[in-house]
PDB file of all heavy atoms in Angstrom:
ATOM      1  N   GLY A   1       3.190  14.096   9.727  1.00  0.00           N
ATOM      2  CA  GLY A   1       4.095  13.430   8.817  1.00  0.00           C
ATOM      3  C   GLY A   1       4.901  12.307   9.441  1.00  0.00           C
ATOM      4  O   GLY A   1       5.583  11.570   8.722  1.00  0.00           O
ATOM      5  N   ASN A   2       4.856  12.156  10.756  1.00  0.00           N
ATOM      6  CA  ASN A   2       5.555  11.065  11.420  1.00  0.00           C
ATOM      7  C   ASN A   2       4.930   9.726  11.065  1.00  0.00           C
ATOM      8  O   ASN A   2       3.706   9.604  10.973  1.00  0.00           O
ATOM      9  CB  ASN A   2       5.532  11.248  12.937  1.00  0.00           C
ATOM     10  CG  ASN A   2       6.379  12.412  13.393  1.00  0.00           C
ATOM     11  OD1 ASN A   2       7.297  12.844  12.699  1.00  0.00           O
ATOM     12  ND2 ASN A   2       6.084  12.934  14.577  1.00  0.00           N
ATOM     13  N   THR A   3       5.757   8.716  10.894  1.00  0.00           N
ATOM     14  CA  THR A   3       5.297   7.393  10.496  1.00  0.00           C
ATOM     15  C   THR A   3       5.578   6.353  11.560  1.00  0.00           C
ATOM     16  O   THR A   3       6.546   6.464  12.327  1.00  0.00           O
ATOM     17  CB  THR A   3       5.953   6.953   9.182  1.00  0.00           C
ATOM     18  OG1 THR A   3       7.380   7.049   9.308  1.00  0.00           O
ATOM     19  CG2 THR A   3       5.481   7.817   8.031  1.00  0.00           C
ATOM     20  N   PHE A   4       4.740   5.319  11.590  1.00  0.00           N
ATOM     21  CA  PHE A   4       4.847   4.213  12.527  1.00  0.00           C
ATOM     22  C   PHE A   4       4.512   2.936  11.777  1.00  0.00           C
ATOM     23  O   PHE A   4       3.573   2.895  10.983  1.00  0.00           O
ATOM     24  CB  PHE A   4       3.897   4.404  13.708  1.00  0.00           C
ATOM     25  CG  PHE A   4       4.151   5.672  14.471  1.00  0.00           C
ATOM     26  CD1 PHE A   4       3.578   6.866  14.063  1.00  0.00           C
ATOM     27  CD2 PHE A   4       4.983   5.680  15.572  1.00  0.00           C
ATOM     28  CE1 PHE A   4       3.822   8.042  14.744  1.00  0.00           C
ATOM     29  CE2 PHE A   4       5.233   6.847  16.268  1.00  0.00           C
ATOM     30  CZ  PHE A   4       4.655   8.036  15.852  1.00  0.00           C
ATOM     31  N   TYR A   5       5.269   1.872  12.058  1.00  0.00           N
ATOM     32  CA  TYR A   5       5.150   0.643  11.296  1.00  0.00           C
ATOM     33  C   TYR A   5       5.003  -0.561  12.206  1.00  0.00           C
ATOM     34  O   TYR A   5       5.588  -0.619  13.294  1.00  0.00           O
ATOM     35  CB  TYR A   5       6.385   0.440  10.420  1.00  0.00           C
ATOM     36  CG  TYR A   5       6.614   1.548   9.426  1.00  0.00           C
ATOM     37  CD1 TYR A   5       7.493   2.587   9.707  1.00  0.00           C
ATOM     38  CD2 TYR A   5       5.952   1.555   8.211  1.00  0.00           C
ATOM     39  CE1 TYR A   5       7.711   3.605   8.798  1.00  0.00           C
ATOM     40  CE2 TYR A   5       6.156   2.567   7.296  1.00  0.00           C
ATOM     41  CZ  TYR A   5       7.040   3.591   7.589  1.00  0.00           C
ATOM     42  OH  TYR A   5       7.249   4.600   6.681  1.00  0.00           O
ATOM     43  N   ASN A   6       4.246  -1.536  11.731  1.00  0.00           N
ATOM     44  CA  ASN A   6       4.215  -2.837  12.371  1.00  0.00           C
ATOM     45  C   ASN A   6       5.620  -3.425  12.315  1.00  0.00           C
ATOM     46  O   ASN A   6       6.197  -3.526  11.224  1.00  0.00           O
ATOM     47  CB  ASN A   6       3.223  -3.739  11.645  1.00  0.00           C
ATOM     48  CG  ASN A   6       3.012  -5.074  12.312  1.00  0.00           C
ATOM     49  OD1 ASN A   6       3.929  -5.666  12.887  1.00  0.00           O
ATOM     50  ND2 ASN A   6       1.786  -5.578  12.226  1.00  0.00           N
ATOM     51  N   PRO A   7       6.186  -3.817  13.450  1.00  0.00           N
ATOM     52  CA  PRO A   7       7.562  -4.327  13.417  1.00  0.00           C
ATOM     53  C   PRO A   7       7.779  -5.494  12.467  1.00  0.00           C
ATOM     54  O   PRO A   7       8.880  -5.637  11.917  1.00  0.00           O
ATOM     55  CB  PRO A   7       7.813  -4.746  14.874  1.00  0.00           C
ATOM     56  CG  PRO A   7       6.908  -3.862  15.668  1.00  0.00           C
ATOM     57  CD  PRO A   7       5.682  -3.706  14.820  1.00  0.00           C
ATOM     58  N   SER A   8       6.760  -6.314  12.259  1.00  0.00           N
ATOM     59  CA  SER A   8       6.913  -7.465  11.377  1.00  0.00           C
ATOM     60  C   SER A   8       7.047  -7.076   9.912  1.00  0.00           C
ATOM     61  O   SER A   8       7.483  -7.887   9.095  1.00  0.00           O
ATOM     62  CB  SER A   8       5.732  -8.425  11.546  1.00  0.00           C
ATOM     63  OG  SER A   8       4.537  -7.883  11.015  1.00  0.00           O
ATOM     64  N   LEU A   9       6.686  -5.860   9.567  1.00  0.00           N
ATOM     65  CA  LEU A   9       6.724  -5.378   8.192  1.00  0.00           C
ATOM     66  C   LEU A   9       7.642  -4.188   7.987  1.00  0.00           C
ATOM     67  O   LEU A   9       7.851  -3.759   6.844  1.00  0.00           O
ATOM     68  CB  LEU A   9       5.313  -4.993   7.736  1.00  0.00           C
ATOM     69  CG  LEU A   9       4.258  -6.091   7.745  1.00  0.00           C
ATOM     70  CD1 LEU A   9       2.877  -5.490   7.550  1.00  0.00           C
ATOM     71  CD2 LEU A   9       4.564  -7.119   6.664  1.00  0.00           C
ATOM     72  N   LYS A  10       8.191  -3.655   9.046  1.00  0.00           N
ATOM     73  CA  LYS A  10       8.909  -2.394   8.994  1.00  0.00           C
ATOM     74  C   LYS A  10      10.043  -2.386   7.980  1.00  0.00           C
ATOM     75  O   LYS A  10      10.259  -1.380   7.287  1.00  0.00           O
ATOM     76  CB  LYS A  10       9.453  -2.057  10.385  1.00  0.00           C
ATOM     77  CG  LYS A  10      10.199  -0.731  10.463  1.00  0.00           C
ATOM     78  CD  LYS A  10      10.661  -0.457  11.879  1.00  0.00           C
ATOM     79  CE  LYS A  10      11.468   0.825  11.964  1.00  0.00           C
ATOM     80  NZ  LYS A  10      10.654   2.000  11.580  1.00  0.00           N
ATOM     81  N   SER A  11      10.757  -3.491   7.874  1.00  0.00           N
ATOM     82  CA  SER A  11      11.948  -3.510   7.034  1.00  0.00           C
ATOM     83  C   SER A  11      11.643  -3.343   5.554  1.00  0.00           C
ATOM     84  O   SER A  11      12.537  -2.987   4.783  1.00  0.00           O
ATOM     85  CB  SER A  11      12.733  -4.802   7.253  1.00  0.00           C
ATOM     86  OG  SER A  11      12.000  -5.928   6.804  1.00  0.00           O
ATOM     87  N   ARG A  12      10.411  -3.603   5.146  1.00  0.00           N
ATOM     88  CA  ARG A  12      10.089  -3.489   3.733  1.00  0.00           C
ATOM     89  C   ARG A  12       8.881  -2.595   3.463  1.00  0.00           C
ATOM     90  O   ARG A  12       8.287  -2.674   2.384  1.00  0.00           O
ATOM     91  CB  ARG A  12       9.887  -4.870   3.110  1.00  0.00           C
ATOM     92  CG  ARG A  12       8.827  -5.728   3.732  1.00  0.00           C
ATOM     93  CD  ARG A  12       8.942  -7.172   3.204  1.00  0.00           C
ATOM     94  NE  ARG A  12       7.858  -8.005   3.711  1.00  0.00           N
ATOM     95  CZ  ARG A  12       6.780  -8.344   3.036  1.00  0.00           C
ATOM     96  NH1 ARG A  12       6.629  -7.937   1.785  1.00  0.00           N
ATOM     97  NH2 ARG A  12       5.859  -9.111   3.588  1.00  0.00           N
ATOM     98  N   THR A  13       8.530  -1.751   4.410  1.00  0.00           N
ATOM     99  CA  THR A  13       7.365  -0.885   4.294  1.00  0.00           C
ATOM    100  C   THR A  13       7.767   0.581   4.342  1.00  0.00           C
ATOM    101  O   THR A  13       8.625   0.976   5.139  1.00  0.00           O
ATOM    102  CB  THR A  13       6.364  -1.169   5.425  1.00  0.00           C
ATOM    103  OG1 THR A  13       6.005  -2.556   5.409  1.00  0.00           O
ATOM    104  CG2 THR A  13       5.106  -0.331   5.252  1.00  0.00           C
ATOM    105  N   ASP A  14       7.141   1.366   3.496  1.00  0.00           N
ATOM    106  CA  ASP A  14       7.289   2.819   3.541  1.00  0.00           C
ATOM    107  C   ASP A  14       5.929   3.465   3.373  1.00  0.00           C
ATOM    108  O   ASP A  14       5.096   2.991   2.593  1.00  0.00           O
ATOM    109  CB  ASP A  14       8.229   3.325   2.450  1.00  0.00           C
ATOM    110  CG  ASP A  14       9.679   3.035   2.744  1.00  0.00           C
ATOM    111  OD1 ASP A  14      10.194   3.589   3.740  1.00  0.00           O
ATOM    112  OD2 ASP A  14      10.301   2.267   1.988  1.00  0.00           O
ATOM    113  N   LEU A  15       5.711   4.521   4.125  1.00  0.00           N
ATOM    114  CA  LEU A  15       4.478   5.292   4.046  1.00  0.00           C
ATOM    115  C   LEU A  15       4.845   6.743   3.777  1.00  0.00           C
ATOM    116  O   LEU A  15       5.725   7.298   4.445  1.00  0.00           O
ATOM    117  CB  LEU A  15       3.699   5.155   5.352  1.00  0.00           C
ATOM    118  CG  LEU A  15       2.202   5.436   5.366  1.00  0.00           C
ATOM    119  CD1 LEU A  15       1.478   4.587   4.332  1.00  0.00           C
ATOM    120  CD2 LEU A  15       1.652   5.153   6.754  1.00  0.00           C
ATOM    121  N   SER A  16       4.175   7.341   2.813  1.00  0.00           N
ATOM    122  CA  SER A  16       4.436   8.722   2.456  1.00  0.00           C
ATOM    123  C   SER A  16       3.118   9.420   2.151  1.00  0.00           C
ATOM    124  O   SER A  16       2.061   8.787   2.123  1.00  0.00           O
ATOM    125  CB  SER A  16       5.382   8.808   1.256  1.00  0.00           C
ATOM    126  OG  SER A  16       4.813   8.181   0.117  1.00  0.00           O
ATOM    127  N   ARG A  17       3.191  10.724   1.920  1.00  0.00           N
ATOM    128  CA  ARG A  17       1.971  11.463   1.627  1.00  0.00           C
ATOM    129  C   ARG A  17       2.242  12.577   0.633  1.00  0.00           C
ATOM    130  O   ARG A  17       3.372  13.044   0.474  1.00  0.00           O
ATOM    131  CB  ARG A  17       1.365  12.045   2.901  1.00  0.00           C
ATOM    132  CG  ARG A  17       2.216  13.120   3.559  1.00  0.00           C
ATOM    133  CD  ARG A  17       1.577  13.613   4.832  1.00  0.00           C
ATOM    134  NE  ARG A  17       2.356  14.687   5.448  1.00  0.00           N
ATOM    135  CZ  ARG A  17       1.993  15.351   6.526  1.00  0.00           C
ATOM    136  NH1 ARG A  17       0.846  15.049   7.133  1.00  0.00           N
ATOM    137  NH2 ARG A  17       2.772  16.315   7.014  1.00  0.00           N
ATOM    138  N   ASP A  18       1.178  12.979  -0.035  1.00  0.00           N
ATOM    139  CA  ASP A  18       1.193  14.131  -0.915  1.00  0.00           C
ATOM    140  C   ASP A  18       0.077  15.042  -0.417  1.00  0.00           C
ATOM    141  O   ASP A  18      -1.101  14.807  -0.703  1.00  0.00           O
ATOM    142  CB  ASP A  18       0.974  13.714  -2.364  1.00  0.00           C
ATOM    143  CG  ASP A  18       1.080  14.868  -3.338  1.00  0.00           C
ATOM    144  OD1 ASP A  18       0.899  16.038  -2.928  1.00  0.00           O
ATOM    145  OD2 ASP A  18       1.339  14.612  -4.529  1.00  0.00           O
ATOM    146  N   THR A  19       0.433  16.049   0.338  1.00  0.00           N
ATOM    147  CA  THR A  19      -0.585  16.891   0.955  1.00  0.00           C
ATOM    148  C   THR A  19      -1.346  17.723  -0.068  1.00  0.00           C
ATOM    149  O   THR A  19      -2.505  18.069   0.154  1.00  0.00           O
ATOM    150  CB  THR A  19       0.036  17.807   2.015  1.00  0.00           C
ATOM    151  OG1 THR A  19       1.057  18.616   1.428  1.00  0.00           O
ATOM    152  CG2 THR A  19       0.631  16.982   3.147  1.00  0.00           C
ATOM    153  N   SER A  20      -0.716  18.048  -1.191  1.00  0.00           N
ATOM    154  CA  SER A  20      -1.405  18.819  -2.222  1.00  0.00           C
ATOM    155  C   SER A  20      -2.532  18.035  -2.860  1.00  0.00           C
ATOM    156  O   SER A  20      -3.506  18.626  -3.347  1.00  0.00           O
ATOM    157  CB  SER A  20      -0.422  19.303  -3.283  1.00  0.00           C
ATOM    158  OG  SER A  20       0.062  18.229  -4.070  1.00  0.00           O
ATOM    159  N   LYS A  21      -2.421  16.710  -2.873  1.00  0.00           N
ATOM    160  CA  LYS A  21      -3.459  15.843  -3.417  1.00  0.00           C
ATOM    161  C   LYS A  21      -4.314  15.194  -2.332  1.00  0.00           C
ATOM    162  O   LYS A  21      -5.249  14.463  -2.654  1.00  0.00           O
ATOM    163  CB  LYS A  21      -2.836  14.752  -4.280  1.00  0.00           C
ATOM    164  CG  LYS A  21      -2.110  15.271  -5.503  1.00  0.00           C
ATOM    165  CD  LYS A  21      -1.520  14.125  -6.311  1.00  0.00           C
ATOM    166  CE  LYS A  21      -0.809  14.622  -7.547  1.00  0.00           C
ATOM    167  NZ  LYS A  21      -0.221  13.504  -8.330  1.00  0.00           N
ATOM    168  N   ASN A  22      -3.977  15.446  -1.071  1.00  0.00           N
ATOM    169  CA  ASN A  22      -4.663  14.821   0.057  1.00  0.00           C
ATOM    170  C   ASN A  22      -4.647  13.295  -0.064  1.00  0.00           C
ATOM    171  O   ASN A  22      -5.673  12.620   0.091  1.00  0.00           O
ATOM    172  CB  ASN A  22      -6.093  15.338   0.200  1.00  0.00           C
ATOM    173  CG  ASN A  22      -6.497  15.501   1.654  1.00  0.00           C
ATOM    174  OD1 ASN A  22      -5.715  15.940   2.488  1.00  0.00           O
ATOM    175  ND2 ASN A  22      -7.743  15.144   1.961  1.00  0.00           N
ATOM    176  N   GLN A  23      -3.463  12.769  -0.325  1.00  0.00           N
ATOM    177  CA  GLN A  23      -3.272  11.345  -0.516  1.00  0.00           C
ATOM    178  C   GLN A  23      -2.129  10.843   0.347  1.00  0.00           C
ATOM    179  O   GLN A  23      -1.182  11.588   0.633  1.00  0.00           O
ATOM    180  CB  GLN A  23      -2.947  11.017  -1.977  1.00  0.00           C
ATOM    181  CG  GLN A  23      -4.046  11.343  -2.964  1.00  0.00           C
ATOM    182  CD  GLN A  23      -3.617  11.091  -4.391  1.00  0.00           C
ATOM    183  OE1 GLN A  23      -2.425  11.194  -4.723  1.00  0.00           O
ATOM    184  NE2 GLN A  23      -4.565  10.767  -5.251  1.00  0.00           N
ATOM    185  N   PHE A  24      -2.202   9.574   0.720  1.00  0.00           N
ATOM    186  CA  PHE A  24      -1.050   8.911   1.313  1.00  0.00           C
ATOM    187  C   PHE A  24      -0.865   7.552   0.655  1.00  0.00           C
ATOM    188  O   PHE A  24      -1.823   6.906   0.227  1.00  0.00           O
ATOM    189  CB  PHE A  24      -1.145   8.820   2.843  1.00  0.00           C
ATOM    190  CG  PHE A  24      -2.326   8.070   3.390  1.00  0.00           C
ATOM    191  CD1 PHE A  24      -2.176   6.770   3.855  1.00  0.00           C
ATOM    192  CD2 PHE A  24      -3.571   8.668   3.487  1.00  0.00           C
ATOM    193  CE1 PHE A  24      -3.250   6.085   4.397  1.00  0.00           C
ATOM    194  CE2 PHE A  24      -4.654   7.989   4.028  1.00  0.00           C
ATOM    195  CZ  PHE A  24      -4.493   6.699   4.483  1.00  0.00           C
ATOM    196  N   THR A  25       0.393   7.135   0.565  1.00  0.00           N
ATOM    197  CA  THR A  25       0.770   5.991  -0.250  1.00  0.00           C
ATOM    198  C   THR A  25       1.577   4.983   0.556  1.00  0.00           C
ATOM    199  O   THR A  25       2.509   5.355   1.278  1.00  0.00           O
ATOM    200  CB  THR A  25       1.584   6.446  -1.466  1.00  0.00           C
ATOM    201  OG1 THR A  25       0.764   7.269  -2.299  1.00  0.00           O
ATOM    202  CG2 THR A  25       2.063   5.253  -2.284  1.00  0.00           C
ATOM    203  N   LEU A  26       1.191   3.732   0.412  1.00  0.00           N
ATOM    204  CA  LEU A  26       1.911   2.608   1.008  1.00  0.00           C
ATOM    205  C   LEU A  26       2.779   1.953  -0.053  1.00  0.00           C
ATOM    206  O   LEU A  26       2.310   1.697  -1.163  1.00  0.00           O
ATOM    207  CB  LEU A  26       0.916   1.586   1.551  1.00  0.00           C
ATOM    208  CG  LEU A  26       1.496   0.259   2.059  1.00  0.00           C
ATOM    209  CD1 LEU A  26       2.158   0.465   3.416  1.00  0.00           C
ATOM    210  CD2 LEU A  26       0.402  -0.800   2.133  1.00  0.00           C
ATOM    211  N   GLN A  27       4.020   1.679   0.294  1.00  0.00           N
ATOM    212  CA  GLN A  27       4.886   0.860  -0.538  1.00  0.00           C
ATOM    213  C   GLN A  27       5.343  -0.344   0.269  1.00  0.00           C
ATOM    214  O   GLN A  27       5.850  -0.201   1.388  1.00  0.00           O
ATOM    215  CB  GLN A  27       6.088   1.640  -1.051  1.00  0.00           C
ATOM    216  CG  GLN A  27       5.720   2.713  -2.073  1.00  0.00           C
ATOM    217  CD  GLN A  27       6.922   3.231  -2.816  1.00  0.00           C
ATOM    218  OE1 GLN A  27       7.978   3.461  -2.236  1.00  0.00           O
ATOM    219  NE2 GLN A  27       6.774   3.424  -4.116  1.00  0.00           N
ATOM    220  N   LEU A  28       5.155  -1.519  -0.298  1.00  0.00           N
ATOM    221  CA  LEU A  28       5.570  -2.767   0.313  1.00  0.00           C
ATOM    222  C   LEU A  28       6.505  -3.461  -0.664  1.00  0.00           C
ATOM    223  O   LEU A  28       6.084  -3.879  -1.746  1.00  0.00           O
ATOM    224  CB  LEU A  28       4.361  -3.646   0.630  1.00  0.00           C
ATOM    225  CG  LEU A  28       4.637  -4.958   1.351  1.00  0.00           C
ATOM    226  CD1 LEU A  28       5.187  -4.704   2.749  1.00  0.00           C
ATOM    227  CD2 LEU A  28       3.354  -5.796   1.427  1.00  0.00           C
ATOM    228  N   ARG A  29       7.763  -3.563  -0.282  1.00  0.00           N
ATOM    229  CA  ARG A  29       8.795  -4.104  -1.156  1.00  0.00           C
ATOM    230  C   ARG A  29       8.902  -5.616  -1.045  1.00  0.00           C
ATOM    231  O   ARG A  29       8.486  -6.219  -0.060  1.00  0.00           O
ATOM    232  CB  ARG A  29      10.147  -3.471  -0.814  1.00  0.00           C
ATOM    233  CG  ARG A  29      10.201  -1.965  -0.998  1.00  0.00           C
ATOM    234  CD  ARG A  29      11.584  -1.427  -0.662  1.00  0.00           C
ATOM    235  NE  ARG A  29      11.919  -1.628   0.744  1.00  0.00           N
ATOM    236  CZ  ARG A  29      11.600  -0.788   1.709  1.00  0.00           C
ATOM    237  NH1 ARG A  29      10.919   0.322   1.433  1.00  0.00           N
ATOM    238  NH2 ARG A  29      11.945  -1.057   2.962  1.00  0.00           N
TER     239      ARG A  29
END
């Protein structure tokens, strides 16, 4: 569940997951 981001995008990027659906989701603001 730990996340790591490209520093150039970190301020507007979020990564999350739904383990019950075996999915992970990117949000770019």
